[in-house]
């Protein structure tokens, strides 16, 4: 995994999932530019409607990180990136990486 890759970060205490473009992964934690998975549908609708959209860039300390996985399709099941692009008409990687030049 490297900067700009689309990832899903599963967190504990409290339990949540965050999806977006990886900015950094090191022993201290994970920095991702994206959205909480619970706001996926709303974000896709905002982008599709042409309204202003700004993803969050957040740092999660490693003690909260349970798992970091690449956002990839699983057989017939599309990735979140593919689903977002289909719903919004925009590639989320472009939206989530524009601020750091990738």
N, C-alpha and C. Protein backbone atom coordinates (compact mmCIF):
# COMPACT_ATOMS: atom_id res chain seq x y z
N UNK A 1 0.85 -1.18 0.00
CA UNK A 1 0.00 0.00 0.00
C UNK A 1 0.88 1.23 0.00
N UNK A 2 0.43 2.22 -0.76
CA UNK A 2 1.18 3.46 -0.83
C UNK A 2 0.26 4.65 -0.91
N UNK A 3 0.83 5.83 -0.81
CA UNK A 3 0.06 7.07 -0.87
C UNK A 3 -0.77 7.12 -2.14
N UNK A 4 -2.03 7.45 -1.98
CA UNK A 4 -2.95 7.54 -3.11
C UNK A 4 -3.80 6.30 -3.32
N UNK A 5 -3.40 5.16 -2.74
CA UNK A 5 -4.21 3.94 -2.86
C UNK A 5 -5.52 4.12 -2.09
N UNK A 6 -6.60 3.63 -2.65
CA UNK A 6 -7.89 3.66 -1.98
C UNK A 6 -7.94 2.53 -0.96
N UNK A 7 -8.28 2.88 0.29
CA UNK A 7 -8.27 1.91 1.38
C UNK A 7 -9.53 2.04 2.24
N UNK A 8 -9.77 0.99 3.00
CA UNK A 8 -10.82 0.99 4.02
C UNK A 8 -10.11 0.74 5.34
N UNK A 9 -10.30 1.66 6.30
CA UNK A 9 -9.68 1.55 7.60
C UNK A 9 -10.77 1.18 8.61
N UNK A 10 -10.59 0.04 9.27
CA UNK A 10 -11.51 -0.39 10.31
C UNK A 10 -10.91 0.01 11.65
N UNK A 11 -11.72 0.72 12.45
CA UNK A 11 -11.25 1.28 13.71
C UNK A 11 -12.02 0.72 14.89
N UNK A 12 -11.38 0.72 16.04
CA UNK A 12 -12.04 0.31 17.27
C UNK A 12 -12.07 1.46 18.27
N UNK A 13 -12.98 1.38 19.20
CA UNK A 13 -13.12 2.34 20.31
C UNK A 13 -13.25 3.78 19.89
N UNK A 14 -14.33 4.22 19.28
CA UNK A 14 -15.51 3.44 18.91
C UNK A 14 -15.32 2.74 17.56
N UNK A 15 -16.15 1.75 17.34
CA UNK A 15 -16.10 0.96 16.10
C UNK A 15 -16.61 1.81 14.94
N UNK A 16 -15.80 1.95 13.90
CA UNK A 16 -16.20 2.67 12.71
C UNK A 16 -15.32 2.26 11.54
N UNK A 17 -15.75 2.64 10.34
CA UNK A 17 -14.97 2.39 9.13
C UNK A 17 -14.82 3.69 8.38
N UNK A 18 -13.63 3.91 7.86
CA UNK A 18 -13.32 5.11 7.10
C UNK A 18 -12.75 4.68 5.77
N UNK A 19 -13.21 5.33 4.70
CA UNK A 19 -12.81 4.96 3.34
C UNK A 19 -12.23 6.17 2.64
N UNK A 20 -11.11 5.97 1.95
CA UNK A 20 -10.53 7.07 1.20
C UNK A 20 -9.15 6.75 0.67
N UNK A 21 -8.44 7.81 0.31
CA UNK A 21 -7.10 7.69 -0.25
C UNK A 21 -6.07 7.73 0.88
N UNK A 22 -5.21 6.75 0.89
CA UNK A 22 -4.15 6.67 1.90
C UNK A 22 -3.15 7.79 1.67
N UNK A 23 -2.83 8.51 2.72
CA UNK A 23 -1.79 9.54 2.64
C UNK A 23 -0.52 9.05 3.29
N UNK A 24 -0.65 8.37 4.44
CA UNK A 24 0.53 7.88 5.13
C UNK A 24 0.14 6.71 6.03
N UNK A 25 1.06 5.77 6.14
CA UNK A 25 0.90 4.62 7.02
C UNK A 25 2.26 4.41 7.68
N UNK A 26 2.31 4.61 9.00
CA UNK A 26 3.57 4.44 9.71
C UNK A 26 3.28 3.91 11.11
N UNK A 27 4.30 3.62 11.92
CA UNK A 27 4.05 3.06 13.25
C UNK A 27 3.17 3.91 14.15
N UNK A 28 3.12 5.21 13.92
CA UNK A 28 2.28 6.09 14.74
C UNK A 28 0.81 5.97 14.39
N UNK A 29 0.49 5.69 13.11
CA UNK A 29 -0.90 5.60 12.71
C UNK A 29 -1.10 5.71 11.22
N UNK A 30 -2.34 6.02 10.85
CA UNK A 30 -2.75 6.07 9.45
C UNK A 30 -3.38 7.43 9.17
N UNK A 31 -2.97 8.05 8.06
CA UNK A 31 -3.59 9.29 7.61
C UNK A 31 -4.31 9.00 6.30
N UNK A 32 -5.60 9.35 6.26
CA UNK A 32 -6.45 9.06 5.10
C UNK A 32 -7.26 10.30 4.76
N UNK A 33 -7.45 10.53 3.47
CA UNK A 33 -8.33 11.59 2.99
C UNK A 33 -9.56 10.91 2.41
N UNK A 34 -10.71 11.09 3.05
CA UNK A 34 -11.91 10.41 2.58
C UNK A 34 -13.13 10.71 3.43
N UNK A 35 -13.95 9.67 3.61
CA UNK A 35 -15.22 9.83 4.32
C UNK A 35 -15.49 8.63 5.22
N UNK A 36 -16.33 8.84 6.21
CA UNK A 36 -16.83 7.75 7.03
C UNK A 36 -17.73 6.89 6.13
N UNK A 37 -17.62 5.59 6.21
CA UNK A 37 -18.40 4.71 5.34
C UNK A 37 -19.91 4.94 5.51
N UNK A 38 -20.33 5.34 6.71
CA UNK A 38 -21.76 5.59 6.93
C UNK A 38 -22.30 6.74 6.09
N UNK A 39 -21.42 7.64 5.64
CA UNK A 39 -21.88 8.77 4.83
C UNK A 39 -21.66 8.55 3.33
N UNK A 40 -21.40 7.31 2.94
CA UNK A 40 -21.10 6.96 1.56
C UNK A 40 -22.20 7.42 0.60
N UNK A 41 -23.43 7.05 0.85
CA UNK A 41 -24.56 7.38 -0.04
C UNK A 41 -24.76 8.89 -0.13
N UNK A 42 -24.68 9.57 1.02
CA UNK A 42 -24.86 11.03 1.03
C UNK A 42 -23.77 11.71 0.21
N UNK A 43 -22.52 11.27 0.39
CA UNK A 43 -21.40 11.88 -0.33
C UNK A 43 -21.56 11.67 -1.84
N UNK A 44 -21.95 10.47 -2.25
CA UNK A 44 -22.15 10.20 -3.68
C UNK A 44 -23.24 11.09 -4.25
N UNK A 45 -24.31 11.30 -3.48
CA UNK A 45 -25.41 12.17 -3.94
C UNK A 45 -24.97 13.62 -4.05
N UNK A 46 -24.16 14.07 -3.11
CA UNK A 46 -23.66 15.45 -3.14
C UNK A 46 -22.80 15.66 -4.38
N UNK A 47 -21.90 14.73 -4.64
CA UNK A 47 -21.02 14.84 -5.81
C UNK A 47 -21.83 14.79 -7.09
N UNK A 48 -22.78 13.86 -7.17
CA UNK A 48 -23.61 13.74 -8.37
C UNK A 48 -24.40 15.01 -8.63
N UNK A 49 -24.87 15.65 -7.55
CA UNK A 49 -25.65 16.88 -7.69
C UNK A 49 -24.81 18.10 -8.03
N UNK A 50 -23.49 17.95 -8.01
CA UNK A 50 -22.63 19.07 -8.35
C UNK A 50 -22.40 20.04 -7.21
N UNK A 51 -22.84 19.68 -6.02
CA UNK A 51 -22.64 20.55 -4.87
C UNK A 51 -21.19 20.45 -4.38
N UNK A 52 -20.72 21.49 -3.67
CA UNK A 52 -19.35 21.45 -3.16
C UNK A 52 -19.14 20.25 -2.23
N UNK A 53 -18.02 19.59 -2.40
CA UNK A 53 -17.70 18.41 -1.59
C UNK A 53 -16.23 18.46 -1.21
N UNK A 54 -15.98 18.35 0.08
CA UNK A 54 -14.61 18.33 0.56
C UNK A 54 -14.45 17.13 1.49
N UNK A 55 -13.62 16.15 1.09
CA UNK A 55 -13.38 15.01 1.97
C UNK A 55 -12.56 15.44 3.18
N UNK A 56 -12.62 14.64 4.23
CA UNK A 56 -11.85 14.91 5.44
C UNK A 56 -10.49 14.25 5.36
N UNK A 57 -9.46 14.95 5.80
CA UNK A 57 -8.15 14.33 5.97
C UNK A 57 -7.97 14.12 7.46
N UNK A 58 -7.84 12.85 7.85
CA UNK A 58 -7.78 12.52 9.27
C UNK A 58 -6.62 11.59 9.57
N UNK A 59 -6.14 11.69 10.80
CA UNK A 59 -5.10 10.80 11.31
C UNK A 59 -5.74 9.91 12.36
N UNK A 60 -5.52 8.61 12.24
CA UNK A 60 -5.99 7.66 13.24
C UNK A 60 -4.78 7.05 13.92
N UNK A 61 -4.64 7.21 15.24
CA UNK A 61 -3.50 6.60 15.93
C UNK A 61 -3.58 5.08 15.85
N UNK A 62 -2.44 4.44 15.79
CA UNK A 62 -2.38 3.00 15.56
C UNK A 62 -3.14 2.19 16.61
N UNK A 63 -3.26 2.69 17.83
CA UNK A 63 -3.98 1.92 18.85
C UNK A 63 -5.48 1.78 18.52
N UNK A 64 -6.00 2.63 17.63
CA UNK A 64 -7.40 2.51 17.20
C UNK A 64 -7.57 1.68 15.95
N UNK A 65 -6.50 1.49 15.18
CA UNK A 65 -6.58 0.82 13.89
C UNK A 65 -6.62 -0.70 14.09
N UNK A 66 -7.70 -1.31 13.61
CA UNK A 66 -7.81 -2.77 13.66
C UNK A 66 -7.35 -3.39 12.34
N UNK A 67 -7.60 -2.66 11.24
CA UNK A 67 -7.30 -3.23 9.94
C UNK A 67 -7.25 -2.12 8.88
N UNK A 68 -6.34 -2.26 7.93
CA UNK A 68 -6.29 -1.40 6.75
C UNK A 68 -6.27 -2.33 5.55
N UNK A 69 -7.24 -2.18 4.66
CA UNK A 69 -7.30 -3.05 3.48
C UNK A 69 -7.48 -2.23 2.22
N UNK A 70 -6.91 -2.72 1.14
CA UNK A 70 -7.10 -2.08 -0.16
C UNK A 70 -8.56 -2.19 -0.56
N UNK A 71 -9.09 -1.14 -1.12
CA UNK A 71 -10.46 -1.15 -1.63
C UNK A 71 -10.42 -1.81 -3.01
N UNK A 72 -10.76 -3.08 -3.04
CA UNK A 72 -10.71 -3.84 -4.29
C UNK A 72 -11.99 -4.65 -4.45
N UNK A 73 -12.34 -4.94 -5.70
CA UNK A 73 -13.52 -5.76 -5.95
C UNK A 73 -13.24 -7.19 -5.47
N UNK A 74 -14.32 -7.87 -5.12
CA UNK A 74 -14.22 -9.26 -4.67
C UNK A 74 -15.12 -10.09 -5.56
N UNK A 75 -14.54 -10.63 -6.63
CA UNK A 75 -15.34 -11.40 -7.59
C UNK A 75 -16.34 -10.49 -8.28
N UNK A 76 -17.62 -10.78 -8.10
CA UNK A 76 -18.69 -10.00 -8.72
C UNK A 76 -19.05 -8.75 -7.90
N UNK A 77 -18.55 -8.65 -6.69
CA UNK A 77 -18.88 -7.53 -5.81
C UNK A 77 -17.94 -6.36 -6.11
N UNK A 78 -18.48 -5.21 -6.53
CA UNK A 78 -17.62 -4.08 -6.89
C UNK A 78 -16.98 -3.45 -5.64
N UNK A 79 -15.87 -2.79 -5.85
CA UNK A 79 -15.21 -2.06 -4.76
C UNK A 79 -16.03 -0.82 -4.43
N UNK A 80 -15.75 -0.22 -3.29
CA UNK A 80 -16.43 1.03 -2.95
C UNK A 80 -16.10 2.11 -3.97
N UNK A 81 -14.86 2.11 -4.47
CA UNK A 81 -14.47 3.07 -5.50
C UNK A 81 -15.35 2.93 -6.74
N UNK A 82 -15.57 1.70 -7.19
CA UNK A 82 -16.42 1.45 -8.36
C UNK A 82 -17.87 1.84 -8.09
N UNK A 83 -18.36 1.52 -6.89
CA UNK A 83 -19.74 1.88 -6.53
C UNK A 83 -19.93 3.39 -6.47
N UNK A 84 -18.94 4.09 -5.88
CA UNK A 84 -19.03 5.54 -5.78
C UNK A 84 -19.03 6.18 -7.17
N UNK A 85 -18.14 5.69 -8.04
CA UNK A 85 -18.05 6.23 -9.41
C UNK A 85 -19.36 6.00 -10.16
N UNK A 86 -19.97 4.83 -9.99
CA UNK A 86 -21.23 4.53 -10.67
C UNK A 86 -22.36 5.43 -10.16
N UNK A 87 -22.38 5.71 -8.87
CA UNK A 87 -23.46 6.53 -8.28
C UNK A 87 -23.27 8.02 -8.52
N UNK A 88 -22.01 8.47 -8.52
CA UNK A 88 -21.75 9.91 -8.56
C UNK A 88 -21.30 10.42 -9.94
N UNK A 89 -20.78 9.51 -10.77
CA UNK A 89 -20.25 9.92 -12.05
C UNK A 89 -18.83 10.46 -11.98
N UNK A 90 -18.20 10.36 -10.82
CA UNK A 90 -16.83 10.85 -10.62
C UNK A 90 -15.98 9.76 -9.97
N UNK A 91 -14.72 9.72 -10.33
CA UNK A 91 -13.79 8.79 -9.70
C UNK A 91 -13.39 9.35 -8.34
N UNK A 92 -13.68 8.65 -7.25
CA UNK A 92 -13.36 9.19 -5.94
C UNK A 92 -11.86 9.39 -5.72
N UNK A 93 -11.03 8.62 -6.40
CA UNK A 93 -9.58 8.80 -6.24
C UNK A 93 -9.18 10.21 -6.66
N UNK A 94 -9.83 10.75 -7.68
CA UNK A 94 -9.56 12.13 -8.10
C UNK A 94 -9.98 13.11 -7.02
N UNK A 95 -11.13 12.88 -6.41
CA UNK A 95 -11.65 13.78 -5.37
C UNK A 95 -10.81 13.71 -4.10
N UNK A 96 -10.32 12.52 -3.76
CA UNK A 96 -9.64 12.33 -2.48
C UNK A 96 -8.14 12.56 -2.55
N UNK A 97 -7.57 12.65 -3.76
CA UNK A 97 -6.11 12.83 -3.87
C UNK A 97 -5.72 14.17 -4.46
N UNK A 98 -6.67 14.98 -4.89
CA UNK A 98 -6.34 16.23 -5.57
C UNK A 98 -5.51 17.15 -4.69
N UNK A 99 -5.77 17.15 -3.38
CA UNK A 99 -5.08 18.10 -2.51
C UNK A 99 -3.62 17.73 -2.27
N UNK A 100 -3.24 16.48 -2.50
CA UNK A 100 -1.82 16.15 -2.30
C UNK A 100 -1.14 15.69 -3.58
N UNK A 101 -1.68 16.16 -4.69
CA UNK A 101 -1.00 16.03 -5.97
C UNK A 101 -0.90 14.64 -6.54
N UNK A 102 -1.85 13.79 -6.21
CA UNK A 102 -1.87 12.47 -6.83
C UNK A 102 -3.26 12.04 -7.14
